[in-house]
């Protein structure tokens, strides 16, 4: 006997709701806490509300994504724990202790029996490495059952359909990063507010700026340095020549006389940070060094500001890095 939904709308709605709950969507393995802030400890709780169809769950294997470190699973009575370990893609600083370069890559709870009619949780703790931007971390889970399995490993695509077997997801807020120091000392020299301009994707050159004050009685010279994301570090001078903006490397370094302040700023002397290995994004802090003739080498941190930050009125669009439009580059 068929039922007309036109006459029995409530009954049809109830049937549709039951069908949706009985399908894979109801059986999703998910994280109990799906939001966190990077740079903090995290207690991950995998919720397993259903078997594979009617089959009982006999094992849960979770893959730990990059950036989740110092992982420790919680044992479960009646289940055997197994860990796979390996190197991380990079070294991470954790809250307590030195840098870590390897750790848990997968956790497997096996040998138990979780009937389809029951619910259970599988727990681990970890540290979420600091992220400068909000992001999502996916924890693929293989749910093994009696004679079958469900692989919760599908990553949703932007604008695509909802996956049938989505991986558990953790939405990460950006870390509350401590403010980078803005003043540095090298002997009698005081270096203030090193900063660099953000760059568009694909750009290989950025401009760097700062102020150096000589509080001593002898002159010194800025003769070089480094920038963590640049293959080359040079000092350049920008000036007007017969109505044309020109830029040329500075030979022999930049002198800072006793009691004087040398300002490297858009439109004048500046640092050319070349052969960038990745774009600079506003709000980041990037390590570097400055080398002086007498004071030696000092570690500094460059704050990354907006693409057009500090542009003088006479500078071409985009400043020093603006495609060299209307500018001659002299060597």
C-alpha atoms as a PDB file:
ATOM      1  CA  UNK A   1       0.000   0.000   0.000  1.00  0.00           C
ATOM      2  CA  UNK A   2       1.386   3.430  -0.925  1.00  0.00           C
ATOM      3  CA  UNK A   3       0.902   6.585   1.128  1.00  0.00           C
ATOM      4  CA  UNK A   4       0.115   9.922  -0.522  1.00  0.00           C
ATOM      5  CA  UNK A   5       2.349  12.667   0.889  1.00  0.00           C
ATOM      6  CA  UNK A   6      -0.194  15.241  -0.201  1.00  0.00           C
ATOM      7  CA  UNK A   7      -2.646  13.768   2.344  1.00  0.00           C
ATOM      8  CA  UNK A   8      -0.213  12.665   5.053  1.00  0.00           C
ATOM      9  CA  UNK A   9       2.559  15.283   5.074  1.00  0.00           C
ATOM     10  CA  UNK A  10       3.491  14.777   8.775  1.00  0.00           C
ATOM     11  CA  UNK A  11       3.883  11.036   8.243  1.00  0.00           C
ATOM     12  CA  UNK A  12       6.067  11.566   5.172  1.00  0.00           C
ATOM     13  CA  UNK A  13       8.215  14.083   7.063  1.00  0.00           C
ATOM     14  CA  UNK A  14       8.730  11.597   9.887  1.00  0.00           C
ATOM     15  CA  UNK A  15       9.685   8.874   7.410  1.00  0.00           C
ATOM     16  CA  UNK A  16      12.212  11.167   5.708  1.00  0.00           C
ATOM     17  CA  UNK A  17      13.723  12.125   9.064  1.00  0.00           C
ATOM     18  CA  UNK A  18      14.075   8.459  10.043  1.00  0.00           C
ATOM     19  CA  UNK A  19      15.748   7.673   6.708  1.00  0.00           C
ATOM     20  CA  UNK A  20      18.261  10.494   7.204  1.00  0.00           C
ATOM     21  CA  UNK A  21      19.127   9.317  10.714  1.00  0.00           C
ATOM     22  CA  UNK A  22      19.578   5.726   9.583  1.00  0.00           C
ATOM     23  CA  UNK A  23      22.027   6.664   6.806  1.00  0.00           C
ATOM     24  CA  UNK A  24      25.785   7.374   7.009  1.00  0.00           C
ATOM     25  CA  UNK A  25      25.213  10.952   8.254  1.00  0.00           C
ATOM     26  CA  UNK A  26      23.947   9.570  11.586  1.00  0.00           C
ATOM     27  CA  UNK A  27      26.966   7.263  11.848  1.00  0.00           C
ATOM     28  CA  UNK A  28      29.631   9.953  11.427  1.00  0.00           C
ATOM     29  CA  UNK A  29      32.694   9.705  13.608  1.00  0.00           C
ATOM     30  CA  UNK A  30      33.241  13.268  14.839  1.00  0.00           C
ATOM     31  CA  UNK A  31      35.250  15.275  17.351  1.00  0.00           C
ATOM     32  CA  UNK A  32      33.286  16.220  20.454  1.00  0.00           C
ATOM     33  CA  UNK A  33      35.059  19.591  20.529  1.00  0.00           C
ATOM     34  CA  UNK A  34      35.315  20.856  16.949  1.00  0.00           C
ATOM     35  CA  UNK A  35      36.829  24.267  17.698  1.00  0.00           C
ATOM     36  CA  UNK A  36      40.072  25.294  19.395  1.00  0.00           C
ATOM     37  CA  UNK A  37      42.771  27.963  19.384  1.00  0.00           C
ATOM     38  CA  UNK A  38      46.203  27.088  18.049  1.00  0.00           C
ATOM     39  CA  UNK A  39      49.106  27.405  20.447  1.00  0.00           C
ATOM     40  CA  UNK A  40      47.138  25.616  23.202  1.00  0.00           C
ATOM     41  CA  UNK A  41      46.661  22.122  24.601  1.00  0.00           C
ATOM     42  CA  UNK A  42      43.754  20.100  23.212  1.00  0.00           C
ATOM     43  CA  UNK A  43      41.738  17.113  24.413  1.00  0.00           C
ATOM     44  CA  UNK A  44      40.471  15.267  21.368  1.00  0.00           C
ATOM     45  CA  UNK A  45      37.411  13.079  21.891  1.00  0.00           C
ATOM     46  CA  UNK A  46      36.370  10.910  18.922  1.00  0.00           C
ATOM     47  CA  UNK A  47      32.649  10.136  19.155  1.00  0.00           C
ATOM     48  CA  UNK A  48      31.599   6.779  17.659  1.00  0.00           C
ATOM     49  CA  UNK A  49      27.778   6.680  17.679  1.00  0.00           C
ATOM     50  CA  UNK A  50      27.186   3.734  15.325  1.00  0.00           C
ATOM     51  CA  UNK A  51      28.770   0.628  13.846  1.00  0.00           C
ATOM     52  CA  UNK A  52      29.348  -0.101  10.151  1.00  0.00           C
ATOM     53  CA  UNK A  53      25.737  -0.713   9.250  1.00  0.00           C
ATOM     54  CA  UNK A  54      24.651  -3.319  11.821  1.00  0.00           C
ATOM     55  CA  UNK A  55      28.192  -4.632  12.457  1.00  0.00           C
ATOM     56  CA  UNK A  56      29.951  -4.015  15.771  1.00  0.00           C
ATOM     57  CA  UNK A  57      33.051  -1.777  15.817  1.00  0.00           C
ATOM     58  CA  UNK A  58      36.270  -3.653  16.534  1.00  0.00           C
ATOM     59  CA  UNK A  59      38.953  -1.005  15.848  1.00  0.00           C
ATOM     60  CA  UNK A  60      39.367   2.765  15.491  1.00  0.00           C
ATOM     61  CA  UNK A  61      42.425   4.191  13.738  1.00  0.00           C
ATOM     62  CA  UNK A  62      42.909   7.975  13.616  1.00  0.00           C
ATOM     63  CA  UNK A  63      45.535   9.777  11.522  1.00  0.00           C
ATOM     64  CA  UNK A  64      47.033  12.827  13.245  1.00  0.00           C
ATOM     65  CA  UNK A  65      47.455  15.874  10.957  1.00  0.00           C
ATOM     66  CA  UNK A  66      50.614  17.988  10.719  1.00  0.00           C
ATOM     67  CA  UNK A  67      50.776  20.632  13.435  1.00  0.00           C
ATOM     68  CA  UNK A  68      49.221  18.425  16.123  1.00  0.00           C
ATOM     69  CA  UNK A  69      52.163  17.376  18.301  1.00  0.00           C
ATOM     70  CA  UNK A  70      53.012  15.715  21.615  1.00  0.00           C
ATOM     71  CA  UNK A  71      50.053  13.367  21.158  1.00  0.00           C
ATOM     72  CA  UNK A  72      49.147  10.919  23.969  1.00  0.00           C
ATOM     73  CA  UNK A  73      46.141   8.567  23.682  1.00  0.00           C
ATOM     74  CA  UNK A  74      44.000   7.444  26.606  1.00  0.00           C
ATOM     75  CA  UNK A  75      43.908   3.646  27.099  1.00  0.00           C
ATOM     76  CA  UNK A  76      40.515   1.880  27.087  1.00  0.00           C
ATOM     77  CA  UNK A  77      39.691  -1.235  29.064  1.00  0.00           C
ATOM     78  CA  UNK A  78      39.331  -4.201  26.716  1.00  0.00           C
ATOM     79  CA  UNK A  79      41.107  -2.441  23.821  1.00  0.00           C
ATOM     80  CA  UNK A  80      44.748  -2.637  22.686  1.00  0.00           C
ATOM     81  CA  UNK A  81      46.608   0.586  21.869  1.00  0.00           C
ATOM     82  CA  UNK A  82      49.115   0.879  19.001  1.00  0.00           C
ATOM     83  CA  UNK A  83      51.015   3.996  17.896  1.00  0.00           C
ATOM     84  CA  UNK A  84      52.803   4.758  14.636  1.00  0.00           C
ATOM     85  CA  UNK A  85      55.480   7.443  14.959  1.00  0.00           C
ATOM     86  CA  UNK A  86      57.434   9.416  12.388  1.00  0.00           C
ATOM     87  CA  UNK A  87      59.101  12.756  11.599  1.00  0.00           C
ATOM     88  CA  UNK A  88      57.145  15.989  11.351  1.00  0.00           C
ATOM     89  CA  UNK A  89      57.468  18.179   8.260  1.00  0.00           C
ATOM     90  CA  UNK A  90      59.189  20.763  10.466  1.00  0.00           C
ATOM     91  CA  UNK A  91      60.301  21.275  14.058  1.00  0.00           C
ATOM     92  CA  UNK A  92      57.760  22.602  16.583  1.00  0.00           C
ATOM     93  CA  UNK A  93      58.257  24.482  19.832  1.00  0.00           C
ATOM     94  CA  UNK A  94      55.996  23.157  22.585  1.00  0.00           C
ATOM     95  CA  UNK A  95      54.912  24.923  25.755  1.00  0.00           C
ATOM     96  CA  UNK A  96      57.026  22.778  28.072  1.00  0.00           C
ATOM     97  CA  UNK A  97      60.366  21.541  26.782  1.00  0.00           C
ATOM     98  CA  UNK A  98      62.471  22.102  23.691  1.00  0.00           C
ATOM     99  CA  UNK A  99      61.644  21.693  20.009  1.00  0.00           C
ATOM    100  CA  UNK A 100      60.062  18.422  18.820  1.00  0.00           C
ATOM    101  CA  UNK A 101      60.798  16.974  15.385  1.00  0.00           C
ATOM    102  CA  UNK A 102      58.847  13.717  15.442  1.00  0.00           C
ATOM    103  CA  UNK A 103      55.896  12.157  17.173  1.00  0.00           C
ATOM    104  CA  UNK A 104      52.686  10.155  16.882  1.00  0.00           C
ATOM    105  CA  UNK A 105      51.273   9.924  13.344  1.00  0.00           C
ATOM    106  CA  UNK A 106      48.441   7.416  13.948  1.00  0.00           C
ATOM    107  CA  UNK A 107      46.632   5.934  16.957  1.00  0.00           C
ATOM    108  CA  UNK A 108      44.813   2.596  16.779  1.00  0.00           C
ATOM    109  CA  UNK A 109      42.458   1.184  19.409  1.00  0.00           C
ATOM    110  CA  UNK A 110      41.752  -2.454  18.464  1.00  0.00           C
ATOM    111  CA  UNK A 111      40.584  -5.801  19.847  1.00  0.00           C
ATOM    112  CA  UNK A 112      37.461  -4.421  21.483  1.00  0.00           C
ATOM    113  CA  UNK A 113      33.792  -4.918  20.636  1.00  0.00           C
ATOM    114  CA  UNK A 114      31.400  -1.975  20.412  1.00  0.00           C
ATOM    115  CA  UNK A 115      27.959  -3.237  19.311  1.00  0.00           C
ATOM    116  CA  UNK A 116      26.045  -1.141  16.798  1.00  0.00           C
ATOM    117  CA  UNK A 117      23.428  -0.355  19.437  1.00  0.00           C
ATOM    118  CA  UNK A 118      26.022   1.302  21.741  1.00  0.00           C
ATOM    119  CA  UNK A 119      27.998   4.544  21.770  1.00  0.00           C
ATOM    120  CA  UNK A 120      31.572   5.158  22.930  1.00  0.00           C
ATOM    121  CA  UNK A 121      34.410   7.705  22.872  1.00  0.00           C
ATOM    122  CA  UNK A 122      38.131   7.415  22.124  1.00  0.00           C
ATOM    123  CA  UNK A 123      40.346  10.082  23.695  1.00  0.00           C
ATOM    124  CA  UNK A 124      43.773  11.636  23.158  1.00  0.00           C
ATOM    125  CA  UNK A 125      45.529  14.801  24.275  1.00  0.00           C
ATOM    126  CA  UNK A 126      47.862  16.941  22.154  1.00  0.00           C
ATOM    127  CA  UNK A 127      49.404  20.358  21.628  1.00  0.00           C
ATOM    128  CA  UNK A 128      48.172  22.453  18.699  1.00  0.00           C
ATOM    129  CA  UNK A 129      51.139  24.262  17.171  1.00  0.00           C
ATOM    130  CA  UNK A 130      50.598  28.042  16.755  1.00  0.00           C
ATOM    131  CA  UNK A 131      49.082  29.125  13.434  1.00  0.00           C
ATOM    132  CA  UNK A 132      49.184  32.721  12.211  1.00  0.00           C
ATOM    133  CA  UNK A 133      45.856  32.281  10.382  1.00  0.00           C
ATOM    134  CA  UNK A 134      42.615  30.472  11.128  1.00  0.00           C
ATOM    135  CA  UNK A 135      42.573  27.024   9.495  1.00  0.00           C
ATOM    136  CA  UNK A 136      40.972  23.581   9.566  1.00  0.00           C
ATOM    137  CA  UNK A 137      42.639  20.320  10.587  1.00  0.00           C
ATOM    138  CA  UNK A 138      41.214  16.981   9.460  1.00  0.00           C
ATOM    139  CA  UNK A 139      41.585  13.726  11.441  1.00  0.00           C
ATOM    140  CA  UNK A 140      40.806  10.815   9.067  1.00  0.00           C
ATOM    141  CA  UNK A 141      39.393   7.818  10.954  1.00  0.00           C
ATOM    142  CA  UNK A 142      39.189   4.203   9.778  1.00  0.00           C
ATOM    143  CA  UNK A 143      36.373   2.455  11.643  1.00  0.00           C
ATOM    144  CA  UNK A 144      36.838  -1.323  11.369  1.00  0.00           C
ATOM    145  CA  UNK A 145      33.897  -3.593  12.107  1.00  0.00           C
ATOM    146  CA  UNK A 146      33.076  -7.320  11.956  1.00  0.00           C
ATOM    147  CA  UNK A 147      33.678  -8.156   8.283  1.00  0.00           C
ATOM    148  CA  UNK A 148      33.499  -4.570   7.006  1.00  0.00           C
ATOM    149  CA  UNK A 149      34.751  -1.012   7.620  1.00  0.00           C
ATOM    150  CA  UNK A 150      33.905   2.689   7.193  1.00  0.00           C
ATOM    151  CA  UNK A 151      36.659   5.081   6.135  1.00  0.00           C
ATOM    152  CA  UNK A 152      35.853   8.549   7.485  1.00  0.00           C
ATOM    153  CA  UNK A 153      38.542  10.302   5.428  1.00  0.00           C
ATOM    154  CA  UNK A 154      36.857  12.477   2.802  1.00  0.00           C
ATOM    155  CA  UNK A 155      37.864  16.173   2.809  1.00  0.00           C
ATOM    156  CA  UNK A 156      35.091  18.531   1.616  1.00  0.00           C
ATOM    157  CA  UNK A 157      35.906  20.667  -1.428  1.00  0.00           C
ATOM    158  CA  UNK A 158      35.043  24.364  -1.630  1.00  0.00           C
ATOM    159  CA  UNK A 159      31.596  24.636  -3.219  1.00  0.00           C
ATOM    160  CA  UNK A 160      31.376  20.855  -3.654  1.00  0.00           C
ATOM    161  CA  UNK A 161      28.763  18.432  -2.322  1.00  0.00           C
ATOM    162  CA  UNK A 162      28.831  17.224   1.250  1.00  0.00           C
ATOM    163  CA  UNK A 163      31.020  14.093   1.459  1.00  0.00           C
ATOM    164  CA  UNK A 164      29.292  10.840   2.350  1.00  0.00           C
ATOM    165  CA  UNK A 165      32.125   9.861   4.710  1.00  0.00           C
ATOM    166  CA  UNK A 166      33.665  13.160   5.943  1.00  0.00           C
ATOM    167  CA  UNK A 167      36.810  13.186   8.094  1.00  0.00           C
ATOM    168  CA  UNK A 168      36.378  14.643  11.601  1.00  0.00           C
ATOM    169  CA  UNK A 169      37.361  18.317  11.450  1.00  0.00           C
ATOM    170  CA  UNK A 170      38.839  20.723  13.992  1.00  0.00           C
ATOM    171  CA  UNK A 171      38.421  24.438  13.261  1.00  0.00           C
ATOM    172  CA  UNK A 172      41.456  26.310  14.552  1.00  0.00           C
ATOM    173  CA  UNK A 173      41.521  29.976  15.469  1.00  0.00           C
ATOM    174  CA  UNK A 174      44.806  31.835  14.945  1.00  0.00           C
ATOM    175  CA  UNK A 175      47.175  31.824  17.888  1.00  0.00           C
ATOM    176  CA  UNK A 176      47.401  34.844  20.144  1.00  0.00           C
ATOM    177  CA  UNK A 177      50.943  35.675  19.068  1.00  0.00           C
ATOM    178  CA  UNK A 178      53.096  37.774  21.419  1.00  0.00           C
ATOM    179  CA  UNK A 179      54.087  41.104  19.944  1.00  0.00           C
ATOM    180  CA  UNK A 180      57.491  41.026  18.304  1.00  0.00           C
ATOM    181  CA  UNK A 181      60.102  43.275  19.947  1.00  0.00           C
ATOM    182  CA  UNK A 182      60.549  46.546  18.095  1.00  0.00           C
ATOM    183  CA  UNK A 183      63.888  47.781  19.506  1.00  0.00           C
ATOM    184  CA  UNK A 184      67.258  45.992  19.351  1.00  0.00           C
ATOM    185  CA  UNK A 185      70.770  46.855  20.560  1.00  0.00           C
ATOM    186  CA  UNK A 186      74.173  46.289  18.966  1.00  0.00           C
ATOM    187  CA  UNK A 187      76.935  47.945  20.964  1.00  0.00           C
ATOM    188  CA  UNK A 188      76.336  51.713  20.814  1.00  0.00           C
ATOM    189  CA  UNK A 189      73.665  51.271  18.111  1.00  0.00           C
ATOM    190  CA  UNK A 190      69.915  51.194  18.712  1.00  0.00           C
ATOM    191  CA  UNK A 191      67.804  49.623  15.936  1.00  0.00           C
ATOM    192  CA  UNK A 192      64.128  50.625  15.980  1.00  0.00           C
ATOM    193  CA  UNK A 193      61.057  49.087  14.359  1.00  0.00           C
ATOM    194  CA  UNK A 194      62.418  46.884  11.556  1.00  0.00           C
ATOM    195  CA  UNK A 195      59.571  46.205   9.130  1.00  0.00           C
ATOM    196  CA  UNK A 196      58.928  44.925   5.631  1.00  0.00           C
ATOM    197  CA  UNK A 197      56.144  45.320   3.132  1.00  0.00           C
ATOM    198  CA  UNK A 198      53.733  42.484   2.436  1.00  0.00           C
ATOM    199  CA  UNK A 199      54.049  41.029  -1.063  1.00  0.00           C
ATOM    200  CA  UNK A 200      51.520  39.640  -3.556  1.00  0.00           C
ATOM    201  CA  UNK A 201      51.704  35.950  -4.410  1.00  0.00           C
ATOM    202  CA  UNK A 202      54.610  35.099  -6.699  1.00  0.00           C
ATOM    203  CA  UNK A 203      56.615  38.219  -5.844  1.00  0.00           C
ATOM    204  CA  UNK A 204      60.319  37.580  -5.325  1.00  0.00           C
ATOM    205  CA  UNK A 205      61.348  40.995  -3.923  1.00  0.00           C
ATOM    206  CA  UNK A 206      60.297  42.974  -0.838  1.00  0.00           C
ATOM    207  CA  UNK A 207      61.388  46.227   0.781  1.00  0.00           C
ATOM    208  CA  UNK A 208      62.747  46.430   4.332  1.00  0.00           C
ATOM    209  CA  UNK A 209      62.938  49.518   6.563  1.00  0.00           C
ATOM    210  CA  UNK A 210      64.152  50.604  10.025  1.00  0.00           C
ATOM    211  CA  UNK A 211      65.932  53.339  12.025  1.00  0.00           C
ATOM    212  CA  UNK A 212      69.439  53.096  13.481  1.00  0.00           C
ATOM    213  CA  UNK A 213      70.728  55.563  16.087  1.00  0.00           C
ATOM    214  CA  UNK A 214      74.402  55.767  17.061  1.00  0.00           C
ATOM    215  CA  UNK A 215      74.711  56.746  20.732  1.00  0.00           C
ATOM    216  CA  UNK A 216      78.492  56.242  20.796  1.00  0.00           C
ATOM    217  CA  UNK A 217      81.481  58.434  19.989  1.00  0.00           C
ATOM    218  CA  UNK A 218      82.713  56.580  16.897  1.00  0.00           C
ATOM    219  CA  UNK A 219      81.060  56.112  13.492  1.00  0.00           C
ATOM    220  CA  UNK A 220      79.819  52.688  12.417  1.00  0.00           C
ATOM    221  CA  UNK A 221      78.492  51.219   9.174  1.00  0.00           C
ATOM    222  CA  UNK A 222      75.640  48.914   8.202  1.00  0.00           C
ATOM    223  CA  UNK A 223      77.419  46.556   5.815  1.00  0.00           C
ATOM    224  CA  UNK A 224      75.017  43.629   5.379  1.00  0.00           C
ATOM    225  CA  UNK A 225      72.518  41.277   6.935  1.00  0.00           C
ATOM    226  CA  UNK A 226      70.041  38.510   6.244  1.00  0.00           C
ATOM    227  CA  UNK A 227      66.304  37.900   6.053  1.00  0.00           C
ATOM    228  CA  UNK A 228      64.906  34.470   6.907  1.00  0.00           C
ATOM    229  CA  UNK A 229      62.834  34.188   3.708  1.00  0.00           C
ATOM    230  CA  UNK A 230      65.226  35.900   1.271  1.00  0.00           C
ATOM    231  CA  UNK A 231      68.117  34.484  -0.698  1.00  0.00           C
ATOM    232  CA  UNK A 232      69.769  37.902  -1.041  1.00  0.00           C
ATOM    233  CA  UNK A 233      69.945  40.943   1.242  1.00  0.00           C
ATOM    234  CA  UNK A 234      71.115  44.266  -0.216  1.00  0.00           C
ATOM    235  CA  UNK A 235      71.007  47.963   0.620  1.00  0.00           C
ATOM    236  CA  UNK A 236      69.618  50.269  -2.060  1.00  0.00           C
ATOM    237  CA  UNK A 237      69.046  53.985  -2.535  1.00  0.00           C
ATOM    238  CA  UNK A 238      66.048  55.486  -4.307  1.00  0.00           C
ATOM    239  CA  UNK A 239      66.247  59.035  -5.680  1.00  0.00           C
ATOM    240  CA  UNK A 240      64.900  61.353  -8.391  1.00  0.00           C
ATOM    241  CA  UNK A 241      67.140  61.903 -11.433  1.00  0.00           C
ATOM    242  CA  UNK A 242      65.867  64.320 -14.120  1.00  0.00           C
ATOM    243  CA  UNK A 243      62.293  63.546 -13.189  1.00  0.00           C
ATOM    244  CA  UNK A 244      62.857  59.784 -13.211  1.00  0.00           C
ATOM    245  CA  UNK A 245      62.840  57.696 -10.037  1.00  0.00           C
ATOM    246  CA  UNK A 246      66.064  55.666  -9.919  1.00  0.00           C
ATOM    247  CA  UNK A 247      67.245  52.933  -7.628  1.00  0.00           C
ATOM    248  CA  UNK A 248      70.768  51.616  -7.208  1.00  0.00           C
ATOM    249  CA  UNK A 249      72.668  49.355  -4.815  1.00  0.00           C
ATOM    250  CA  UNK A 250      74.721  51.048  -2.115  1.00  0.00           C
ATOM    251  CA  UNK A 251      78.403  50.111  -2.257  1.00  0.00           C
ATOM    252  CA  UNK A 252      80.524  50.022   0.887  1.00  0.00           C
ATOM    253  CA  UNK A 253      77.691  50.169   3.414  1.00  0.00           C
ATOM    254  CA  UNK A 254      75.685  52.940   5.090  1.00  0.00           C
ATOM    255  CA  UNK A 255      77.481  55.059   7.704  1.00  0.00           C
ATOM    256  CA  UNK A 256      75.897  56.083  11.008  1.00  0.00           C
ATOM    257  CA  UNK A 257      77.781  59.031  12.486  1.00  0.00           C
ATOM    258  CA  UNK A 258      78.088  59.525  16.284  1.00  0.00           C
ATOM    259  CA  UNK A 259      74.859  61.019  17.640  1.00  0.00           C
ATOM    260  CA  UNK A 260      73.107  60.577  14.259  1.00  0.00           C
ATOM    261  CA  UNK A 261      70.099  58.520  13.184  1.00  0.00           C
ATOM    262  CA  UNK A 262      70.004  56.673   9.863  1.00  0.00           C
ATOM    263  CA  UNK A 263      66.451  56.141   8.598  1.00  0.00           C
ATOM    264  CA  UNK A 264      65.743  53.478   5.980  1.00  0.00           C
ATOM    265  CA  UNK A 265      62.301  54.335   4.639  1.00  0.00           C
ATOM    266  CA  UNK A 266      60.207  54.104   1.462  1.00  0.00           C
ATOM    267  CA  UNK A 267      61.461  56.585  -1.126  1.00  0.00           C
ATOM    268  CA  UNK A 268      65.062  56.688   0.135  1.00  0.00           C
ATOM    269  CA  UNK A 269      67.589  54.249   1.527  1.00  0.00           C
ATOM    270  CA  UNK A 270      66.027  50.827   2.073  1.00  0.00           C
ATOM    271  CA  UNK A 271      66.771  47.113   2.201  1.00  0.00           C
ATOM    272  CA  UNK A 272      66.127  44.975  -0.868  1.00  0.00           C
ATOM    273  CA  UNK A 273      65.055  41.481   0.227  1.00  0.00           C
ATOM    274  CA  UNK A 274      65.424  39.385  -2.916  1.00  0.00           C
ATOM    275  CA  UNK A 275      64.755  35.805  -4.048  1.00  0.00           C
ATOM    276  CA  UNK A 276      61.913  35.375  -1.553  1.00  0.00           C
ATOM    277  CA  UNK A 277      61.084  31.760  -0.743  1.00  0.00           C
ATOM    278  CA  UNK A 278      57.452  32.589   0.121  1.00  0.00           C
ATOM    279  CA  UNK A 279      55.190  35.671   0.151  1.00  0.00           C
ATOM    280  CA  UNK A 280      55.141  38.036   3.104  1.00  0.00           C
ATOM    281  CA  UNK A 281      51.711  38.420   4.716  1.00  0.00           C
ATOM    282  CA  UNK A 282      50.582  41.391   6.752  1.00  0.00           C
ATOM    283  CA  UNK A 283      50.754  40.671  10.486  1.00  0.00           C
ATOM    284  CA  UNK A 284      53.600  38.169  10.274  1.00  0.00           C
ATOM    285  CA  UNK A 285      56.961  38.510  12.041  1.00  0.00           C
ATOM    286  CA  UNK A 286      60.085  37.335  10.189  1.00  0.00           C
ATOM    287  CA  UNK A 287      63.550  36.864  11.693  1.00  0.00           C
ATOM    288  CA  UNK A 288      66.645  38.503  10.236  1.00  0.00           C
ATOM    289  CA  UNK A 289      70.058  39.902  11.079  1.00  0.00           C
ATOM    290  CA  UNK A 290      71.948  43.173  10.592  1.00  0.00           C
ATOM    291  CA  UNK A 291      75.734  43.262  10.307  1.00  0.00           C
ATOM    292  CA  UNK A 292      77.749  46.332  11.283  1.00  0.00           C
ATOM    293  CA  UNK A 293      81.407  47.140  10.706  1.00  0.00           C
ATOM    294  CA  UNK A 294      82.166  47.653  14.411  1.00  0.00           C
ATOM    295  CA  UNK A 295      79.144  46.429  16.361  1.00  0.00           C
ATOM    296  CA  UNK A 296      79.043  43.070  14.577  1.00  0.00           C
ATOM    297  CA  UNK A 297      75.917  41.043  13.838  1.00  0.00           C
ATOM    298  CA  UNK A 298      72.645  41.431  15.738  1.00  0.00           C
ATOM    299  CA  UNK A 299      69.434  39.391  15.487  1.00  0.00           C
ATOM    300  CA  UNK A 300      66.296  41.387  14.682  1.00  0.00           C
ATOM    301  CA  UNK A 301      62.650  40.694  13.844  1.00  0.00           C
ATOM    302  CA  UNK A 302      60.869  42.350  10.914  1.00  0.00           C
ATOM    303  CA  UNK A 303      57.167  43.137  11.317  1.00  0.00           C
ATOM    304  CA  UNK A 304      55.272  42.676   8.034  1.00  0.00           C
ATOM    305  CA  UNK A 305      52.966  45.600   7.243  1.00  0.00           C
ATOM    306  CA  UNK A 306      50.571  46.229   4.335  1.00  0.00           C
ATOM    307  CA  UNK A 307      51.653  46.249   0.682  1.00  0.00           C
ATOM    308  CA  UNK A 308      51.425  50.044   0.410  1.00  0.00           C
ATOM    309  CA  UNK A 309      52.536  50.870   3.962  1.00  0.00           C
ATOM    310  CA  UNK A 310      54.611  54.025   4.380  1.00  0.00           C
ATOM    311  CA  UNK A 311      54.576  54.980   0.696  1.00  0.00           C
ATOM    312  CA  UNK A 312      55.729  58.606   0.130  1.00  0.00           C
ATOM    313  CA  UNK A 313      53.605  60.783  -2.106  1.00  0.00           C
ATOM    314  CA  UNK A 314      56.348  60.899  -4.776  1.00  0.00           C
ATOM    315  CA  UNK A 315      56.756  57.127  -4.970  1.00  0.00           C
ATOM    316  CA  UNK A 316      55.296  55.217  -7.936  1.00  0.00           C
ATOM    317  CA  UNK A 317      52.286  52.959  -7.342  1.00  0.00           C
ATOM    318  CA  UNK A 318      53.327  50.050  -5.179  1.00  0.00           C
ATOM    319  CA  UNK A 319      56.495  51.782  -3.953  1.00  0.00           C
ATOM    320  CA  UNK A 320      59.870  50.179  -4.592  1.00  0.00           C
ATOM    321  CA  UNK A 321      58.314  46.875  -5.560  1.00  0.00           C
ATOM    322  CA  UNK A 322      55.605  48.247  -7.810  1.00  0.00           C
ATOM    323  CA  UNK A 323      56.832  46.641 -11.022  1.00  0.00           C
ATOM    324  CA  UNK A 324      59.560  49.327 -11.351  1.00  0.00           C
ATOM    325  CA  UNK A 325      57.020  51.420 -13.242  1.00  0.00           C
ATOM    326  CA  UNK A 326      58.554  54.804 -14.076  1.00  0.00           C
ATOM    327  CA  UNK A 327      61.786  53.748 -12.384  1.00  0.00           C
ATOM    328  CA  UNK A 328      65.296  53.015 -13.567  1.00  0.00           C
ATOM    329  CA  UNK A 329      67.356  50.433 -11.693  1.00  0.00           C
ATOM    330  CA  UNK A 330      71.056  51.248 -11.829  1.00  0.00           C
ATOM    331  CA  UNK A 331      73.988  48.996 -10.996  1.00  0.00           C
END
